Amino acid sequence: MLDLQTIEPALTGTIFSGKLHHALITDSTNSDAVSGGRQGAPHGSVWLAEEQSAGRGRGDHRWYSTAGEGLYVSILLRPNLPPARLLLLPLAAGLAAAEAIRATTDLPVDIRWPNDLLIGPRKTGGILLESTGNFAVIGIGINVHQRSFPEGLDTPATALDTEAARYISRQALLVALLHAIERESTTLADPVTASQIPLRVAQASTWINGRRVDVHGPQACTGTTAGLDEYGFLRVQTSTGLITVQTGGIRAPAPASSTME
């Protein structure tokens, strides 16, 4: 179980110090954070749970949140940013989460636009950002100790223990994650460093340039990725022209079916 008495000293001097909320089980840490934000919870408040009964991923997908096996955390920020820079917050969160995993495990992490964290072809983490009024909630789920996953997932899943072939501390991962989130928040506050975020994501991802993908969501299409624009939106070259995808997700195209006579 996460031990706040051990975690808190490691956060001294950060925006998260003294603002951790920990539950054994909750429906969704993101729902808790949104509720807290509406009730005036301060910038840097964090909600943690050992288990989620209704964890949520992007696009109304469920995030399987078994007790004590993953990191389930939602972070409330009240960023004073212009709208154009606020659009980069999901990408900044992805960079922070990937950095925390690398720092804790030494594993290479691939970012699948906009917010999936992969090790090889398998998904180990995801990010759900919700913006309401004058605050934003960054929900992050990372598989750490899981040994099995439900069937029928749209992307095969894995856990950090499995990939690293050793025990990975959820507490160390959490501390690294929160420190990385604070660093990326500072990056967003500066227009020069914020403008570099799309390039940094492209450099950290095998999905951003020259990758054949299916786009899921309201701008569904198939094409080849052609980089990110200044707002972090994904460009995809299709048979009918270049499309800038503002929302949704991408996957590798399903293998073409074949028939035999």
Protein backbone atom coordinates (compact mmCIF):
# COMPACT_ATOMS: atom_id res chain seq x y z
CA MET A 1 0.00 0.00 0.00
CA LEU A 2 1.16 3.53 -0.72
CA ASP A 3 2.54 5.14 2.44
CA LEU A 4 1.91 8.89 2.53
CA GLN A 5 4.26 9.33 5.50
CA THR A 6 7.10 8.14 3.27
CA ILE A 7 5.93 9.96 0.15
CA GLU A 8 5.29 13.39 1.67
CA PRO A 9 8.94 14.16 2.63
CA ALA A 10 10.00 13.42 -0.95
CA LEU A 11 7.61 16.14 -2.14
CA THR A 12 8.79 18.89 0.20
CA GLY A 13 9.11 22.16 -1.67
CA THR A 14 6.87 21.06 -4.56
CA ILE A 15 3.38 22.29 -5.40
CA PHE A 16 2.07 18.91 -4.19
CA SER A 17 3.39 19.07 -0.63
CA GLY A 18 0.61 18.52 1.92
CA LYS A 19 -2.03 18.09 -0.79
CA LEU A 20 -2.25 14.30 -1.19
CA HIS A 21 -5.61 12.54 -0.86
CA HIS A 22 -5.40 8.75 -0.57
CA ALA A 23 -8.25 6.21 -0.77
CA LEU A 24 -8.26 2.44 -0.54
CA ILE A 25 -10.95 2.30 -3.22
CA THR A 26 -12.83 4.91 -5.21
CA ASP A 27 -14.93 4.99 -8.34
CA SER A 28 -12.43 7.17 -10.22
CA THR A 29 -9.61 9.41 -9.05
CA ASN A 30 -10.42 11.76 -11.93
CA SER A 31 -14.00 12.09 -10.71
CA ASP A 32 -12.68 12.77 -7.21
CA ALA A 33 -10.32 15.43 -8.52
CA VAL A 34 -12.99 17.14 -10.62
CA SER A 35 -15.28 17.20 -7.59
CA GLY A 36 -12.46 18.59 -5.48
CA GLY A 37 -11.72 21.25 -8.04
CA ARG A 38 -15.32 22.40 -8.09
CA GLN A 39 -15.17 22.67 -4.31
CA GLY A 40 -12.09 24.90 -4.45
CA ALA A 41 -9.22 22.43 -3.97
CA PRO A 42 -5.93 24.23 -4.53
CA HIS A 43 -3.46 23.98 -7.39
CA GLY A 44 -1.31 20.88 -6.97
CA SER A 45 -3.89 18.72 -5.18
CA VAL A 46 -3.44 15.00 -5.85
CA TRP A 47 -5.90 12.11 -5.55
CA LEU A 48 -4.56 8.55 -5.23
CA ALA A 49 -6.33 5.23 -4.92
CA GLU A 50 -5.22 1.66 -4.35
CA GLU A 51 -8.14 0.52 -6.51
CA GLN A 52 -10.72 2.09 -8.83
CA SER A 53 -14.10 0.47 -9.35
CA ALA A 54 -14.89 2.62 -12.40
CA GLY A 55 -11.54 3.86 -13.68
CA ARG A 56 -11.81 5.73 -16.95
CA GLY A 57 -9.58 6.00 -19.96
CA ARG A 58 -9.90 8.18 -23.02
CA GLY A 59 -12.91 7.82 -25.28
CA ASP A 60 -15.09 6.29 -22.55
CA HIS A 61 -12.80 3.28 -22.33
CA ARG A 62 -12.54 1.59 -18.98
CA TRP A 63 -9.18 1.53 -17.17
CA TYR A 64 -8.77 -1.75 -15.28
CA SER A 65 -7.56 -0.74 -11.83
CA THR A 66 -6.95 -3.82 -9.70
CA ALA A 67 -6.09 -3.30 -6.04
CA GLY A 68 -2.46 -2.46 -5.32
CA GLU A 69 -1.20 -3.42 -8.77
CA GLY A 70 -1.03 -0.10 -10.57
CA LEU A 71 -0.53 3.59 -10.02
CA TYR A 72 -3.87 5.42 -10.19
CA VAL A 73 -3.43 9.15 -9.69
CA SER A 74 -5.19 12.37 -10.68
CA ILE A 75 -3.56 15.78 -10.39
CA LEU A 76 -5.45 19.07 -10.21
CA LEU A 77 -3.75 22.09 -11.76
CA ARG A 78 -4.96 25.67 -12.03
CA PRO A 79 -2.59 26.82 -14.78
CA ASN A 80 -2.50 30.48 -15.73
CA LEU A 81 -1.88 29.84 -19.42
CA PRO A 82 -3.20 31.27 -22.68
CA PRO A 83 -5.53 28.87 -24.54
CA ALA A 84 -2.93 27.93 -27.17
CA ARG A 85 -0.48 26.78 -24.51
CA LEU A 86 -3.16 25.02 -22.51
CA LEU A 87 -3.67 22.76 -25.54
CA LEU A 88 -0.14 21.43 -24.95
CA LEU A 89 -0.89 20.25 -21.40
CA PRO A 90 -1.85 16.67 -22.44
CA LEU A 91 1.41 16.30 -24.37
CA ALA A 92 3.41 17.73 -21.46
CA ALA A 93 1.76 15.19 -19.15
CA GLY A 94 2.73 12.40 -21.54
CA LEU A 95 6.34 13.55 -21.54
CA ALA A 96 6.34 13.68 -17.73
CA ALA A 97 4.86 10.19 -17.36
CA ALA A 98 7.31 8.71 -19.87
CA GLU A 99 10.22 10.40 -18.08
CA ALA A 100 9.06 9.03 -14.70
CA ILE A 101 8.83 5.48 -16.06
CA ARG A 102 12.29 5.70 -17.62
CA ALA A 103 13.79 7.16 -14.44
CA THR A 104 12.27 4.41 -12.29
CA THR A 105 12.75 1.39 -14.55
CA ASP A 106 15.40 2.26 -17.21
CA LEU A 107 12.88 1.03 -19.78
CA PRO A 108 12.37 2.74 -23.14
CA VAL A 109 8.91 4.31 -23.39
CA ASP A 110 7.09 5.10 -26.60
CA ILE A 111 4.37 7.78 -26.66
CA ARG A 112 1.44 6.99 -28.93
CA TRP A 113 -0.33 10.24 -29.69
CA PRO A 114 -1.88 11.74 -27.82
CA ASN A 115 -1.44 10.05 -24.44
CA ASP A 116 -0.73 6.31 -24.51
CA LEU A 117 2.48 5.00 -22.96
CA LEU A 118 3.88 1.89 -24.63
CA ILE A 119 6.82 -0.41 -24.11
CA GLY A 120 7.34 -2.06 -27.45
CA PRO A 121 3.90 -2.92 -28.86
CA ARG A 122 2.25 -3.18 -25.44
CA LYS A 123 0.49 -0.48 -23.48
CA THR A 124 1.60 0.16 -19.92
CA GLY A 125 -0.04 3.51 -19.20
CA GLY A 126 -2.55 6.08 -20.29
CA ILE A 127 -3.52 9.66 -19.55
CA LEU A 128 -6.96 11.26 -19.36
CA LEU A 129 -7.09 15.04 -19.18
CA GLU A 130 -10.29 16.83 -18.21
CA SER A 131 -10.58 20.61 -18.22
CA THR A 132 -13.46 22.26 -16.39
CA GLY A 133 -13.74 25.98 -15.79
CA ASN A 134 -10.54 27.33 -14.25
CA PHE A 135 -8.79 24.05 -13.57
CA ALA A 136 -7.54 20.94 -15.33
CA VAL A 137 -7.28 17.38 -14.06
CA ILE A 138 -4.56 15.05 -15.33
CA GLY A 139 -5.49 11.42 -14.69
CA ILE A 140 -2.68 8.90 -15.09
CA GLY A 141 -2.89 5.12 -14.87
CA ILE A 142 0.25 2.99 -15.07
CA ASN A 143 0.38 -0.80 -14.89
CA VAL A 144 3.07 -1.80 -12.40
CA HIS A 145 2.57 -5.24 -10.81
CA GLN A 146 -0.16 -6.83 -12.96
CA ARG A 147 0.40 -10.38 -14.18
CA SER A 148 -2.73 -10.74 -16.29
CA PHE A 149 -5.17 -8.52 -18.16
CA PRO A 150 -8.73 -8.84 -19.48
CA GLU A 151 -9.20 -10.31 -22.91
CA GLY A 152 -10.30 -8.17 -25.82
CA LEU A 153 -8.20 -5.06 -25.12
CA ASP A 154 -7.70 -2.98 -28.26
CA THR A 155 -3.96 -2.82 -27.49
CA PRO A 156 -2.11 -5.66 -25.75
CA ALA A 157 -1.15 -4.61 -22.21
CA THR A 158 1.93 -5.07 -20.07
CA ALA A 159 3.22 -4.01 -16.65
CA LEU A 160 6.48 -2.46 -15.53
CA ASP A 161 7.47 -5.41 -13.32
CA THR A 162 7.16 -7.76 -16.29
CA GLU A 163 9.13 -5.56 -18.67
CA ALA A 164 11.87 -4.72 -16.19
CA ALA A 165 12.06 -8.29 -14.85
CA ARG A 166 12.22 -6.90 -11.32
CA TYR A 167 10.02 -5.33 -8.69
CA ILE A 168 9.18 -1.68 -9.38
CA SER A 169 8.16 0.54 -6.47
CA ARG A 170 4.88 2.34 -7.00
CA GLN A 171 5.98 4.93 -4.46
CA ALA A 172 9.21 5.70 -6.30
CA LEU A 173 7.25 5.92 -9.54
CA LEU A 174 4.71 8.30 -7.99
CA VAL A 175 7.39 10.61 -6.60
CA ALA A 176 9.23 10.66 -9.94
CA LEU A 177 5.94 11.34 -11.74
CA LEU A 178 4.94 14.29 -9.57
CA HIS A 179 8.38 15.88 -9.83
CA ALA A 180 8.24 15.45 -13.62
CA ILE A 181 4.75 16.96 -13.80
CA GLU A 182 5.97 20.02 -11.89
CA ARG A 183 8.96 20.42 -14.24
CA GLU A 184 6.72 20.22 -17.30
CA SER A 185 4.35 22.75 -15.74
CA THR A 186 7.29 25.13 -15.53
CA THR A 187 8.08 24.38 -19.16
CA LEU A 188 4.53 25.32 -20.15
CA ALA A 189 4.76 28.61 -18.28
CA ASP A 190 7.55 29.81 -20.62
CA PRO A 191 6.41 30.45 -24.21
CA VAL A 192 9.81 29.48 -25.64
CA THR A 193 10.13 26.12 -23.87
CA ALA A 194 6.40 25.44 -24.37
CA SER A 195 6.83 25.83 -28.12
CA GLN A 196 9.35 22.98 -28.07
CA ILE A 197 6.92 20.44 -26.60
CA PRO A 198 5.55 19.15 -29.96
CA LEU A 199 9.12 18.54 -31.18
CA ARG A 200 10.03 16.77 -27.93
CA VAL A 201 7.00 14.50 -28.25
CA ALA A 202 7.88 13.72 -31.87
CA GLN A 203 11.40 12.80 -30.78
CA ALA A 204 10.03 10.54 -28.01
CA SER A 205 7.56 8.72 -30.26
CA THR A 206 7.70 6.28 -33.15
CA TRP A 207 4.12 7.22 -34.07
CA ILE A 208 4.42 10.87 -35.06
CA ASN A 209 6.23 10.70 -38.40
CA GLY A 210 5.99 8.19 -41.22
CA ARG A 211 3.74 5.72 -39.41
CA ARG A 212 0.72 4.15 -41.13
CA VAL A 213 -2.23 4.52 -38.75
CA ASP A 214 -5.97 4.31 -38.38
CA VAL A 215 -7.38 7.42 -36.70
CA HIS A 216 -10.25 6.70 -34.32
CA GLY A 217 -12.75 9.35 -33.30
CA PRO A 218 -14.68 12.12 -35.04
CA GLN A 219 -11.97 12.57 -37.68
CA ALA A 220 -11.67 8.86 -38.48
CA CYS A 221 -9.37 8.14 -41.41
CA THR A 222 -6.39 6.06 -42.47
CA GLY A 223 -3.09 7.53 -43.51
CA THR A 224 0.55 8.18 -42.70
CA THR A 225 1.52 10.45 -39.83
CA ALA A 226 3.28 13.66 -40.84
CA GLY A 227 4.27 15.34 -37.58
CA LEU A 228 2.63 17.65 -35.07
CA ASP A 229 1.57 21.24 -35.57
CA GLU A 230 2.36 24.05 -33.11
CA TYR A 231 -0.67 23.16 -30.98
CA GLY A 232 0.28 19.49 -30.70
CA PHE A 233 -2.35 18.31 -33.17
CA LEU A 234 -1.40 15.35 -35.37
CA ARG A 235 -1.03 15.71 -39.11
CA VAL A 236 -2.01 12.66 -41.16
CA GLN A 237 -1.50 12.37 -44.91
CA THR A 238 -4.47 10.51 -46.38
CA SER A 239 -5.40 9.54 -49.91
CA THR A 240 -7.55 12.68 -50.10
CA GLY A 241 -5.08 15.12 -48.57
CA LEU A 242 -3.47 16.26 -45.33
CA ILE A 243 -5.72 16.16 -42.26
CA THR A 244 -4.97 17.79 -38.93
CA VAL A 245 -6.40 15.54 -36.22
CA GLN A 246 -7.44 17.54 -33.18
CA THR A 247 -9.07 14.81 -31.10
CA GLY A 248 -9.27 11.04 -31.03
CA GLY A 249 -6.58 8.40 -31.03
CA ILE A 250 -4.46 6.34 -33.38
CA ARG A 251 -3.79 2.65 -33.78
CA ALA A 252 -1.83 0.49 -36.16
CA PRO A 253 -4.11 -0.54 -39.05
CA ALA A 254 -5.79 -3.89 -38.65
CA PRO A 255 -4.18 -6.59 -40.86
CA ALA A 256 -5.97 -6.98 -44.16
CA SER A 257 -8.13 -10.07 -44.19
CA SER A 258 -7.41 -12.66 -46.84
CA THR A 259 -9.50 -15.41 -48.32
CA MET A 260 -8.45 -18.73 -49.78
CA GLU A 261 -10.32 -20.59 -52.47
